[in-house]
Amino acid sequence: MGGAQYADISLDKVGAAYGSYAQVRLTIVVQDYMQQPVLKRGEDKENAIEKIKELNSLKEQGIISEEEYYKAAAPYKAIILK
C-alpha cells in the first residue's frame, strides 16, 4: 500500500540561445496502486472542475467509455467535494 508507479514520461527540450542555458522540461505522470493519478498538492477545485469538463467532453465524443470517465474523474471529484 502507498506505492506509486510512473505512467508516462515526456521530455521537452528547448535549445540554448546565445547567452542563455539550454532548458529541459520533464513531465512525469505518477499513478497509485489503483492506476489513479497522484494529484499535485496544490491542485485546487477550479483545476479539478476543468479536468472533469475535459473528461466529459472526451466521453461525449466517444473517445473514452463511461467506465473510463468515472475511473478518471473520481480523484478530481474528491477534490471538489472536500
Protein backbone atom coordinates (compact mmCIF):
# COMPACT_ATOMS: atom_id res chain seq x y z
CA MET A 1 0.00 0.00 0.00
CA GLY A 2 1.06 3.58 -0.58
CA GLY A 3 3.25 2.64 -3.53
CA ALA A 4 3.19 4.52 -6.79
CA GLN A 5 4.42 3.95 -10.30
CA TYR A 6 5.02 6.20 -13.25
CA ALA A 7 2.61 6.00 -16.16
CA ASP A 8 4.01 8.46 -18.68
CA ILE A 9 7.17 10.47 -19.05
CA SER A 10 7.60 13.27 -21.55
CA LEU A 11 10.64 15.38 -22.15
CA ASP A 12 10.63 18.75 -23.91
CA LYS A 13 13.97 20.22 -24.89
CA VAL A 14 14.48 23.88 -25.63
CA GLY A 15 17.73 24.78 -27.32
CA ALA A 16 20.08 27.33 -25.84
CA ALA A 17 20.23 30.77 -27.36
CA TYR A 18 23.36 32.84 -27.24
CA GLY A 19 23.93 33.93 -23.66
CA SER A 20 21.39 31.54 -22.13
CA TYR A 21 21.32 27.98 -20.87
CA ALA A 22 19.52 25.10 -22.52
CA GLN A 23 16.22 24.24 -20.85
CA VAL A 24 14.60 20.88 -20.36
CA ARG A 25 11.06 20.30 -19.08
CA LEU A 26 10.42 16.84 -17.67
CA THR A 27 6.83 15.74 -17.02
CA ILE A 28 6.09 12.53 -15.15
CA VAL A 29 2.59 11.19 -14.51
CA VAL A 30 2.53 9.18 -11.29
CA GLN A 31 -0.23 6.70 -10.51
CA ASP A 32 -1.18 4.99 -7.29
CA TYR A 33 -1.72 1.25 -6.97
CA MET A 34 -5.24 1.58 -8.46
CA GLN A 35 -3.84 3.39 -11.53
CA GLN A 36 -5.34 6.72 -10.44
CA PRO A 37 -3.19 9.81 -10.94
CA VAL A 38 -1.42 11.03 -7.86
CA LEU A 39 -2.56 14.62 -7.65
CA LYS A 40 -0.31 17.59 -7.08
CA ARG A 41 -0.64 19.07 -3.62
CA GLY A 42 -1.61 22.47 -4.99
CA GLU A 43 -4.32 21.17 -7.30
CA ASP A 44 -7.40 23.19 -6.47
CA LYS A 45 -11.09 22.93 -7.16
CA GLU A 46 -11.01 25.05 -10.33
CA ASN A 47 -8.40 22.79 -11.91
CA ALA A 48 -10.37 19.72 -10.85
CA ILE A 49 -13.54 21.13 -12.44
CA GLU A 50 -11.66 21.82 -15.69
CA LYS A 51 -10.28 18.26 -15.73
CA ILE A 52 -13.78 16.83 -15.26
CA LYS A 53 -15.10 19.01 -18.10
CA GLU A 54 -12.31 17.76 -20.37
CA LEU A 55 -13.05 14.16 -19.45
CA ASN A 56 -16.77 14.70 -20.02
CA SER A 57 -16.05 16.12 -23.46
CA LEU A 58 -13.96 13.05 -24.32
CA LYS A 59 -16.80 10.81 -23.12
CA GLU A 60 -19.40 12.70 -25.19
CA GLN A 61 -17.20 12.42 -28.29
CA GLY A 62 -16.92 8.67 -27.77
CA ILE A 63 -13.16 8.82 -27.23
CA ILE A 64 -13.42 7.26 -23.77
CA SER A 65 -16.12 4.99 -22.36
CA GLU A 66 -18.40 5.91 -19.49
CA GLU A 67 -16.49 3.49 -17.26
CA GLU A 68 -13.17 5.13 -18.19
CA TYR A 69 -14.71 8.54 -17.50
CA TYR A 70 -15.85 7.59 -14.00
CA LYS A 71 -12.50 5.98 -13.18
CA ALA A 72 -10.52 9.02 -14.36
CA ALA A 73 -12.89 11.60 -12.83
CA ALA A 74 -13.02 10.05 -9.34
CA PRO A 75 -9.88 11.74 -7.92
CA TYR A 76 -11.00 15.12 -9.23
CA LYS A 77 -14.48 14.71 -7.75
CA ALA A 78 -12.83 14.01 -4.39
CA ILE A 79 -11.08 17.40 -4.59
CA ILE A 80 -14.32 19.21 -5.39
CA LEU A 81 -16.25 17.52 -2.59
CA LYS A 82 -13.66 18.23 0.12
